[in-house]
Amino acid sequence: MEPAEAGGTPRARILTIGDELLSGERLDGNSRWLAEHLHEMGFLVVGLESVGDDEEVIAQALARGSSGADFLVVTGGLGPTRDDRTREAVVRAWGVQLREDPGILAELRRRFEARGFPELPATNHRIALVPEGADALMNQRGSAPAIWFHPETAQDGAFSRSDSPPAVLLLPGVPDEMKHLIGQVAAPRIRRTFGFRFSPSSTRILLTTGIPESELAGRIEALLDREGDGGVEVAYRPSLRGVELNLRASGPDANLRVGRVESLLQPVLDPYRYDQDGSDLAAAVGRRLAARGWSVALAESCTGGEVLWRLTSVPGSSAWVQGGVVAYADEVKRDVLAVGEKTLETHGAVYEAVAQEMARGVRRVVPAQVGVAITGVAGPGGGSKEKPVGTVWFALSHDGGCRAESIRFPGHRAEVRERAAQHALHLLYRFLEAEATEPPHGRSVPSVPGSG
């Protein structure tokens, strides 16, 4: 892949370095953050790669990455220890020499003396090594500087100054240092080198829950095939809690085109969408409870308090969460929540009437305007032909009534529990949405589409 032609959207590649990334000891969060950051700046990210701490392998990846993009961003391997081999890999890839930068060395000595260490450890001299002709960008949040160079200028053991792509930026692997260096220290140089090629872009994130990715994608694609997408990319990010949609476009009218597609999708998304101020449905529920001046109480069995945990994780939730009961045992359902013993004996704990009595009962124990109950079979055992693993009953009680619904969720125990907690929040969210637009009296609790 060749770098983009002059005037086109600049292409970027990301290279992360470290044995720990390949062994699974550490997740590569740097690549994800960098991809989002570069996209926001106006780059088209065309590739990601991770390699271990092998000098020859790093050198090959450097050459490969810089020849396949206008901008190669590298993280890792700039520390003081012998397994930090990124500088040596630059030497191997482009035949340049390393020099000791006196400015970096003086700054390192100053920092160590300020911390009470009169001598700079010999190993830290490695941090001051910079490829000849490259620019070192000082790191105020750590020791290792960022290093900027233009690989195609390499000649006679040194790089030369240039304002033309391709360019390479070496960054420390420590996330906070990496973000600071590319987001603030290197930002003016990035804009000077590439800014004239950045085109206006627009991105919108739409959050949905209660519908599988395949079903959602089928409906959206059928609609856009009929109406046209206007050059707007639609990306799907599924998780156990729902599907995040990413609408993205570039060009002078990008924002208008993204807005048009969002409007087109509204009838499809409306039953499943929730607002996106934060990515957790619990926060959206909290905003609606607060706006109504209401509070909620939870009665949880198979979810074991997960719904209450998610709600109380939201700052300020003490204003709209009263409390709850984890009624895991039938005795607790009976003695604390006043679920009828005959109901439990006849139908078992996973039953419509049990969920309803739990939702009503928790409002007597913990006074609140809304009570939500969850009882089900999370697995792996406990299922039956009539109530297979994944069967969960939900109920919502308020002054206007109480209703229940059942969903059968796929997955193993942890997945069933998380999906059930998300559905309970969605049930509450949709109820509060309906209450916000219609009179509070005489309403029934709205049904919520199930997740597959």
Protein backbone atom coordinates (compact mmCIF):
# COMPACT_ATOMS: atom_id res chain seq x y z
CA MET A 1 0.00 0.00 0.00
CA GLU A 2 1.41 3.38 -1.04
CA PRO A 3 0.95 6.62 0.87
CA ALA A 4 -2.02 8.68 -0.22
CA GLU A 5 -1.52 11.09 -3.12
CA ALA A 6 -0.88 14.72 -2.26
CA GLY A 7 -4.16 16.36 -1.45
CA GLY A 8 -5.86 13.12 -0.39
CA THR A 9 -6.79 12.20 3.15
CA PRO A 10 -3.53 11.25 4.91
CA ARG A 11 -3.20 7.59 5.85
CA ALA A 12 -1.88 6.46 9.21
CA ARG A 13 -0.65 3.17 10.58
CA ILE A 14 -0.12 2.19 14.22
CA LEU A 15 2.64 -0.08 15.53
CA THR A 16 2.72 -1.19 19.18
CA ILE A 17 5.78 -2.93 20.59
CA GLY A 18 6.18 -5.24 23.58
CA ASP A 19 6.37 -8.95 24.37
CA GLU A 20 3.62 -8.44 26.95
CA LEU A 21 1.17 -7.54 24.16
CA LEU A 22 1.76 -10.86 22.39
CA SER A 23 1.73 -13.01 25.52
CA GLY A 24 -1.60 -11.61 26.72
CA GLU A 25 -0.09 -10.17 29.91
CA ARG A 26 -1.35 -6.72 28.92
CA LEU A 27 -4.17 -5.60 26.66
CA ASP A 28 -3.22 -3.22 23.85
CA GLY A 29 -5.26 -0.18 24.83
CA ASN A 30 -2.83 2.16 23.06
CA SER A 31 -3.89 1.04 19.57
CA ARG A 32 -7.55 1.63 20.25
CA TRP A 33 -6.97 5.08 21.73
CA LEU A 34 -4.58 6.08 18.95
CA ALA A 35 -6.97 4.90 16.23
CA GLU A 36 -9.77 7.05 17.67
CA HIS A 37 -7.46 10.03 18.18
CA LEU A 38 -5.98 9.87 14.68
CA HIS A 39 -9.42 9.53 13.14
CA GLU A 40 -10.62 12.57 15.07
CA MET A 41 -7.63 14.52 13.77
CA GLY A 42 -8.54 13.67 10.18
CA PHE A 43 -6.39 10.64 9.33
CA LEU A 44 -7.58 7.48 7.66
CA VAL A 45 -6.17 4.65 9.79
CA VAL A 46 -5.27 1.84 7.39
CA GLY A 47 -3.55 -0.67 9.66
CA LEU A 48 -2.58 -1.79 13.16
CA GLU A 49 0.27 -4.13 14.08
CA SER A 50 1.80 -5.42 17.30
CA VAL A 51 5.26 -7.02 17.54
CA GLY A 52 7.48 -8.24 20.36
CA ASP A 53 10.77 -6.90 21.67
CA ASP A 54 12.92 -8.35 18.88
CA GLU A 55 15.13 -5.81 17.15
CA GLU A 56 15.01 -7.39 13.69
CA VAL A 57 11.24 -7.92 13.86
CA ILE A 58 10.74 -4.30 14.98
CA ALA A 59 12.96 -3.05 12.15
CA GLN A 60 10.94 -4.97 9.58
CA ALA A 61 7.67 -3.65 11.04
CA LEU A 62 9.01 -0.08 10.97
CA ALA A 63 9.98 -0.32 7.33
CA ARG A 64 6.71 -2.00 6.43
CA GLY A 65 4.60 0.53 8.30
CA SER A 66 6.34 3.65 7.06
CA SER A 67 6.18 2.54 3.41
CA GLY A 68 2.46 1.79 3.69
CA ALA A 69 1.25 5.11 5.10
CA ASP A 70 1.88 8.83 5.34
CA PHE A 71 2.20 8.70 9.13
CA LEU A 72 3.46 5.82 11.27
CA VAL A 73 2.83 6.10 15.01
CA VAL A 74 4.86 3.71 17.18
CA THR A 75 4.51 3.05 20.91
CA GLY A 76 6.85 1.13 23.18
CA GLY A 77 10.51 0.18 23.40
CA LEU A 78 11.94 3.60 24.35
CA GLY A 79 12.77 2.84 27.99
CA PRO A 80 16.21 2.46 29.64
CA THR A 81 16.42 -1.35 29.78
CA ARG A 82 18.03 -3.76 27.35
CA ASP A 83 14.72 -5.11 26.11
CA ASP A 84 13.75 -1.62 24.90
CA ARG A 85 15.01 -2.00 21.32
CA THR A 86 13.04 0.52 19.25
CA ARG A 87 15.95 2.97 18.81
CA GLU A 88 18.28 0.18 17.68
CA ALA A 89 15.58 -1.07 15.30
CA VAL A 90 15.47 2.40 13.69
CA VAL A 91 19.24 2.15 13.17
CA ARG A 92 18.84 -1.27 11.58
CA ALA A 93 15.93 -0.22 9.36
CA TRP A 94 17.43 2.97 7.93
CA GLY A 95 21.17 2.79 8.55
CA VAL A 96 21.33 5.90 10.75
CA GLN A 97 23.49 6.47 13.81
CA LEU A 98 22.44 7.14 17.41
CA ARG A 99 23.67 10.24 19.22
CA GLU A 100 23.45 11.18 22.86
CA ASP A 101 21.27 14.28 23.21
CA PRO A 102 22.84 16.61 25.84
CA GLY A 103 19.55 18.44 26.43
CA ILE A 104 17.72 15.22 27.35
CA LEU A 105 20.62 14.10 29.53
CA ALA A 106 20.67 17.41 31.41
CA GLU A 107 16.91 17.27 32.00
CA LEU A 108 17.14 13.69 33.31
CA ARG A 109 19.93 14.70 35.71
CA ARG A 110 17.88 17.66 36.94
CA ARG A 111 14.85 15.44 37.63
CA PHE A 112 16.88 12.81 39.50
CA GLU A 113 18.60 15.45 41.63
CA ALA A 114 15.21 16.98 42.47
CA ARG A 115 14.13 13.58 43.76
CA GLY A 116 17.23 13.25 45.96
CA PHE A 117 19.40 11.12 43.68
CA PRO A 118 22.74 12.89 43.04
CA GLU A 119 23.80 10.54 40.24
CA LEU A 120 21.89 9.61 37.10
CA PRO A 121 21.86 5.78 36.76
CA ALA A 122 23.98 4.60 33.84
CA THR A 123 21.02 2.76 32.34
CA ASN A 124 19.14 6.04 31.93
CA HIS A 125 21.75 7.28 29.47
CA ARG A 126 20.00 5.05 26.93
CA ILE A 127 16.94 7.31 27.14
CA ALA A 128 19.05 10.19 25.76
CA LEU A 129 19.98 8.27 22.59
CA VAL A 130 18.28 9.75 19.54
CA PRO A 131 18.71 8.80 15.85
CA GLU A 132 20.96 11.34 14.13
CA GLY A 133 18.89 14.07 12.49
CA ALA A 134 15.66 13.10 14.30
CA ASP A 135 13.88 15.53 16.61
CA ALA A 136 13.35 14.70 20.28
CA LEU A 137 10.13 16.06 21.84
CA MET A 138 10.47 16.44 25.59
CA ASN A 139 8.24 14.36 27.83
CA GLN A 140 6.99 16.28 30.88
CA ARG A 141 5.14 13.25 32.25
CA GLY A 142 7.94 10.71 32.06
CA SER A 143 11.54 10.14 31.07
CA ALA A 144 11.61 8.97 27.45
CA PRO A 145 11.02 11.69 24.84
CA ALA A 146 8.99 11.23 21.69
CA ILE A 147 11.08 11.03 18.52
CA TRP A 148 10.03 12.43 15.14
CA PHE A 149 11.72 11.76 11.79
CA HIS A 150 11.11 11.42 8.06
CA PRO A 151 12.41 8.00 6.97
CA GLU A 152 12.86 8.77 3.27
CA THR A 153 15.43 11.45 4.12
CA ALA A 154 17.89 8.92 5.62
CA GLN A 155 21.31 9.38 4.05
CA ASP A 156 24.92 9.04 5.25
CA GLY A 157 23.84 7.80 8.69
CA ALA A 158 21.36 10.56 9.47
CA PHE A 159 17.83 11.81 8.82
CA SER A 160 17.20 15.29 7.42
CA ARG A 161 14.61 17.90 8.27
CA SER A 162 11.47 17.79 6.16
CA ASP A 163 7.85 18.91 6.18
CA SER A 164 6.74 16.21 3.75
CA PRO A 165 5.31 12.75 4.49
CA PRO A 166 5.94 10.04 5.27
CA ALA A 167 6.73 10.77 8.90
CA VAL A 168 7.33 8.51 11.89
CA LEU A 169 6.54 9.36 15.51
CA LEU A 170 8.01 7.14 18.23
CA LEU A 171 6.19 7.33 21.56
CA PRO A 172 6.68 5.73 25.00
CA GLY A 173 4.29 2.87 25.71
CA VAL A 174 3.04 4.33 29.02
CA PRO A 175 -0.52 5.40 28.10
CA ASP A 176 -0.58 8.73 29.97
CA GLU A 177 2.77 9.78 28.48
CA MET A 178 1.79 8.60 25.01
CA LYS A 179 -1.50 10.55 25.05
CA HIS A 180 0.18 13.71 26.31
CA LEU A 181 2.95 13.59 23.72
CA ILE A 182 0.82 13.02 20.64
CA GLY A 183 -2.17 15.04 21.84
CA GLN A 184 -0.25 18.13 22.95
CA VAL A 185 3.50 18.12 22.36
CA ALA A 186 3.52 16.68 18.82
CA ALA A 187 0.15 18.13 17.77
CA PRO A 188 1.52 21.37 16.20
CA ARG A 189 3.98 19.40 14.07
CA ILE A 190 1.29 16.95 12.99
CA ARG A 191 -0.97 19.82 11.94
CA ARG A 192 1.89 21.55 10.12
CA THR A 193 2.75 18.40 8.18
CA PHE A 194 -0.72 17.04 7.45
CA GLY A 195 -3.31 19.67 8.37
CA PHE A 196 -3.79 21.04 4.86
CA ARG A 197 -4.93 17.55 3.78
CA PHE A 198 -7.45 16.97 6.56
CA SER A 199 -11.03 17.15 5.31
CA PRO A 200 -14.05 17.98 7.51
CA SER A 201 -15.53 14.90 9.14
CA SER A 202 -18.52 14.03 11.28
CA THR A 203 -19.05 11.11 13.63
CA ARG A 204 -22.16 10.23 15.58
CA ILE A 205 -22.52 7.37 18.08
CA LEU A 206 -25.97 5.87 18.59
CA LEU A 207 -26.51 3.46 21.47
CA THR A 208 -29.04 0.62 21.25
CA THR A 209 -30.04 -2.31 23.41
CA GLY A 210 -32.53 -5.14 23.19
CA ILE A 211 -31.91 -6.12 19.54
CA PRO A 212 -29.22 -8.47 18.15
CA GLU A 213 -26.60 -7.06 15.80
CA SER A 214 -27.69 -9.24 12.86
CA GLU A 215 -31.33 -8.17 13.16
CA LEU A 216 -30.43 -4.51 13.54
CA ALA A 217 -27.99 -4.60 10.62
CA GLY A 218 -30.56 -6.31 8.39
CA ARG A 219 -33.15 -3.62 9.03
CA ILE A 220 -30.70 -0.75 8.62
CA GLU A 221 -29.13 -2.08 5.44
CA ALA A 222 -32.50 -2.73 3.84
CA LEU A 223 -33.53 0.84 4.60
CA LEU A 224 -30.30 2.41 3.33
CA ASP A 225 -30.38 0.25 0.18
CA ARG A 226 -33.74 1.88 -0.59
CA GLU A 227 -32.99 5.42 0.54
CA GLY A 228 -29.24 5.69 -0.04
CA ASP A 229 -26.55 6.24 2.58
CA GLY A 230 -25.08 9.43 1.13
CA GLY A 231 -21.54 8.16 1.62
CA VAL A 232 -22.05 7.67 5.36
CA GLU A 233 -20.30 4.64 6.83
CA VAL A 234 -22.29 2.64 9.37
CA ALA A 235 -20.19 0.54 11.76
CA TYR A 236 -21.59 -1.88 14.34
CA ARG A 237 -19.99 -2.50 17.77
CA PRO A 238 -21.88 -5.33 19.51
CA SER A 239 -21.53 -6.28 23.18
CA LEU A 240 -23.56 -8.13 25.77
CA ARG A 241 -25.27 -4.85 26.65
CA GLY A 242 -26.31 -3.88 23.14
CA VAL A 243 -25.08 -2.60 19.80
CA GLU A 244 -23.27 0.71 19.37
CA LEU A 245 -23.72 2.28 15.94
CA ASN A 246 -21.05 4.57 14.59
CA LEU A 247 -22.13 6.87 11.75
CA ARG A 248 -19.15 8.45 10.02
CA ALA A 249 -18.62 10.68 6.98
CA SER A 250 -16.03 13.10 5.64
CA GLY A 251 -16.25 16.04 3.25
CA PRO A 252 -17.65 19.58 3.33
CA ASP A 253 -21.23 18.45 4.03
CA ALA A 254 -20.35 15.52 6.32
CA ASN A 255 -22.45 16.73 9.23
CA LEU A 256 -25.56 17.18 7.07
CA ARG A 257 -25.20 13.71 5.55
CA VAL A 258 -24.73 12.05 8.94
CA GLY A 259 -27.78 13.91 10.25
CA ARG A 260 -29.85 12.74 7.28
CA VAL A 261 -28.93 9.10 7.88
CA GLU A 262 -29.65 9.42 11.60
CA SER A 263 -33.12 10.77 10.75
CA LEU A 264 -33.71 7.94 8.27
CA LEU A 265 -32.81 5.37 10.93
CA GLN A 266 -35.02 6.85 13.63
CA PRO A 267 -38.06 4.56 13.01
CA VAL A 268 -35.79 1.49 13.13
CA LEU A 269 -33.84 2.56 16.19
CA ASP A 270 -36.55 4.20 18.28
CA PRO A 271 -37.65 1.08 20.26
CA TYR A 272 -34.03 0.23 21.11
CA ARG A 273 -32.13 3.49 21.29
CA TYR A 274 -31.20 5.38 24.42
CA ASP A 275 -29.40 8.69 24.79
CA GLN A 276 -25.66 8.76 24.55
CA ASP A 277 -24.46 11.03 27.36
CA GLY A 278 -22.13 8.33 28.60
CA SER A 279 -22.21 4.76 27.40
CA ASP A 280 -24.12 3.15 30.28
CA LEU A 281 -27.87 2.73 30.16
CA ALA A 282 -27.91 3.05 33.95
CA ALA A 283 -26.91 6.72 33.68
CA ALA A 284 -29.69 7.36 31.17
CA VAL A 285 -32.19 5.72 33.55
CA GLY A 286 -30.89 7.88 36.38
CA ARG A 287 -31.41 11.09 34.44
CA ARG A 288 -35.03 10.19 33.77
CA LEU A 289 -35.73 9.20 37.37
CA ALA A 290 -34.20 12.47 38.54
CA ALA A 291 -36.24 14.49 36.05
CA ARG A 292 -39.43 12.82 37.34
CA GLY A 293 -38.43 13.20 40.98
CA TRP A 294 -38.83 9.44 41.42
CA SER A 295 -36.76 6.71 42.98
CA VAL A 296 -36.45 3.00 42.25
CA ALA A 297 -36.12 -0.14 44.36
CA LEU A 298 -34.76 -3.45 43.06
CA ALA A 299 -35.65 -7.06 43.86
CA GLU A 300 -33.05 -9.30 42.26
CA SER A 301 -32.65 -13.04 42.22
CA CYS A 302 -30.59 -14.44 39.32
CA THR A 303 -28.73 -11.15 38.73
CA GLY A 304 -27.52 -11.09 42.32
CA GLY A 305 -27.58 -7.31 42.72
CA GLU A 306 -25.98 -6.43 39.38
CA VAL A 307 -28.72 -3.98 38.39
CA LEU A 308 -28.45 -2.19 41.72
CA TRP A 309 -24.65 -2.15 41.39
CA ARG A 310 -24.85 -0.53 37.96
CA LEU A 311 -27.32 2.08 39.10
CA THR A 312 -25.37 2.98 42.23
CA SER A 313 -22.14 3.23 40.20
CA VAL A 314 -23.57 6.40 38.62
CA PRO A 315 -22.49 9.56 40.49
CA GLY A 316 -25.44 11.16 42.26
CA SER A 317 -27.50 7.97 42.28
CA SER A 318 -28.39 8.40 45.96
CA ALA A 319 -31.01 10.92 44.78
CA TRP A 320 -32.95 8.27 42.81
CA VAL A 321 -31.96 4.83 44.15
CA GLN A 322 -33.64 3.84 47.40
CA GLY A 323 -32.14 0.37 47.77
CA GLY A 324 -32.96 -3.21 47.03
CA VAL A 325 -33.18 -6.82 48.08
CA VAL A 326 -31.14 -9.71 46.70
CA ALA A 327 -33.74 -12.42 47.13
CA TYR A 328 -31.72 -15.40 45.97
CA ALA A 329 -33.36 -18.01 48.19
CA ASP A 330 -37.08 -18.78 48.10
CA GLU A 331 -37.23 -18.10 51.84
CA VAL A 332 -36.10 -14.50 51.26
CA LYS A 333 -38.65 -14.07 48.49
CA ARG A 334 -41.33 -15.33 50.87
CA ASP A 335 -40.27 -13.78 54.18
CA VAL A 336 -38.90 -10.42 53.00
CA LEU A 337 -40.80 -9.70 49.78
CA ALA A 338 -44.05 -11.46 50.73
CA VAL A 339 -44.11 -13.75 47.69
CA GLY A 340 -46.86 -16.33 48.30
CA GLU A 341 -45.60 -19.68 49.54
CA LYS A 342 -48.26 -21.47 47.47
CA THR A 343 -47.10 -19.62 44.35
CA LEU A 344 -43.53 -20.73 44.96
CA GLU A 345 -44.51 -24.34 45.71
CA THR A 346 -46.80 -24.61 42.68
CA HIS A 347 -44.79 -22.76 40.05
CA GLY A 348 -41.26 -22.36 41.36
CA ALA A 349 -39.26 -19.15 41.63
CA VAL A 350 -39.07 -18.48 37.87
CA TYR A 351 -42.64 -17.52 37.15
CA GLU A 352 -44.70 -14.48 36.15
CA ALA A 353 -46.61 -14.12 39.42
CA VAL A 354 -43.40 -14.48 41.44
CA ALA A 355 -41.76 -11.61 39.54
CA GLN A 356 -44.85 -9.44 40.03
CA GLU A 357 -45.05 -10.16 43.75
CA MET A 358 -41.33 -9.41 44.09
CA ALA A 359 -41.76 -6.03 42.32
CA ARG A 360 -44.69 -5.10 44.53
CA GLY A 361 -43.04 -6.46 47.67
CA VAL A 362 -39.81 -4.52 47.31
CA ARG A 363 -41.77 -1.27 47.20
CA ARG A 364 -43.22 -2.12 50.60
CA VAL A 365 -39.78 -2.93 52.02
CA VAL A 366 -37.97 -0.03 50.32
CA PRO A 367 -40.45 2.79 49.62
CA ALA A 368 -40.04 3.96 46.04
CA GLN A 369 -42.22 5.06 43.13
CA VAL A 370 -41.00 2.18 40.95
CA GLY A 371 -40.10 -1.41 41.79
CA VAL A 372 -38.25 -3.68 39.37
CA ALA A 373 -37.85 -7.44 39.87
CA ILE A 374 -35.75 -10.08 38.12
CA THR A 375 -35.94 -13.84 38.66
CA GLY A 376 -34.59 -16.49 36.32
CA VAL A 377 -32.36 -19.47 35.52
CA ALA A 378 -28.82 -18.22 34.85
CA GLY A 379 -27.35 -21.71 34.61
CA PRO A 380 -25.43 -23.82 34.05
CA GLY A 381 -27.77 -26.03 36.09
CA GLY A 382 -31.35 -25.58 37.23
CA GLY A 383 -33.01 -25.54 33.83
CA SER A 384 -35.91 -27.70 32.69
CA LYS A 385 -37.90 -28.32 29.53
CA GLU A 386 -40.47 -25.73 30.60
CA LYS A 387 -37.85 -23.30 31.95
CA PRO A 388 -34.56 -23.83 30.12
CA VAL A 389 -31.36 -22.09 31.15
CA GLY A 390 -31.56 -18.44 30.13
CA THR A 391 -35.26 -18.02 31.04
CA VAL A 392 -35.77 -14.81 33.00
CA TRP A 393 -38.95 -13.11 34.22
CA PHE A 394 -39.06 -9.34 34.75
CA ALA A 395 -41.67 -7.22 36.47
CA LEU A 396 -42.13 -3.50 36.95
CA SER A 397 -44.50 -2.12 39.57
CA HIS A 398 -45.67 1.46 40.10
CA ASP A 399 -48.81 3.23 41.24
CA GLY A 400 -50.46 2.68 37.86
CA GLY A 401 -50.06 -1.08 37.79
CA CYS A 402 -47.68 -4.00 37.48
CA ARG A 403 -46.84 -6.21 34.56
CA ALA A 404 -44.33 -8.91 33.81
CA GLU A 405 -42.57 -10.30 30.78
CA SER A 406 -40.25 -13.19 30.06
CA ILE A 407 -37.15 -13.38 27.88
CA ARG A 408 -34.90 -16.35 27.13
CA PHE A 409 -31.30 -15.22 26.80
CA PRO A 410 -28.49 -17.13 25.07
CA GLY A 411 -25.03 -17.65 26.52
CA HIS A 412 -23.36 -19.00 29.62
CA ARG A 413 -24.12 -17.94 33.19
CA ALA A 414 -22.24 -14.62 33.21
CA GLU A 415 -23.69 -13.65 29.84
CA VAL A 416 -27.25 -14.45 30.91
CA ARG A 417 -26.82 -12.38 34.07
CA GLU A 418 -25.41 -9.37 32.21
CA ARG A 419 -28.05 -9.53 29.48
CA ALA A 420 -30.78 -9.82 32.10
CA ALA A 421 -29.46 -6.81 34.01
CA GLN A 422 -29.34 -4.78 30.80
CA HIS A 423 -32.90 -5.79 29.90
CA ALA A 424 -34.16 -4.78 33.34
CA LEU A 425 -32.60 -1.34 32.87
CA HIS A 426 -34.10 -1.12 29.39
CA LEU A 427 -37.54 -2.02 30.74
CA LEU A 428 -37.22 0.77 33.30
CA TYR A 429 -35.87 3.23 30.71
CA ARG A 430 -38.75 2.68 28.27
CA PHE A 431 -41.29 3.02 31.06
CA LEU A 432 -39.76 6.32 32.14
CA GLU A 433 -39.64 7.55 28.53
CA ALA A 434 -43.36 6.82 28.15
CA GLU A 435 -44.14 8.49 31.49
CA ALA A 436 -42.28 11.61 30.40
CA THR A 437 -44.62 12.17 27.45
CA GLU A 438 -47.99 10.99 28.79
CA PRO A 439 -50.08 11.60 31.93
CA PRO A 440 -48.86 9.48 34.86
CA HIS A 441 -52.25 8.04 35.82
CA GLY A 442 -54.08 5.20 34.13
CA ARG A 443 -51.04 3.97 32.15
CA SER A 444 -49.97 0.39 31.79
CA VAL A 445 -46.29 -0.49 31.86
CA PRO A 446 -44.97 -0.62 28.27
CA SER A 447 -43.56 -3.83 26.86
CA VAL A 448 -39.91 -3.84 25.87
CA PRO A 449 -38.59 -5.76 22.83
CA GLY A 450 -36.45 -8.67 23.94
CA SER A 451 -32.79 -9.23 23.10
CA GLY A 452 -32.00 -12.32 21.13
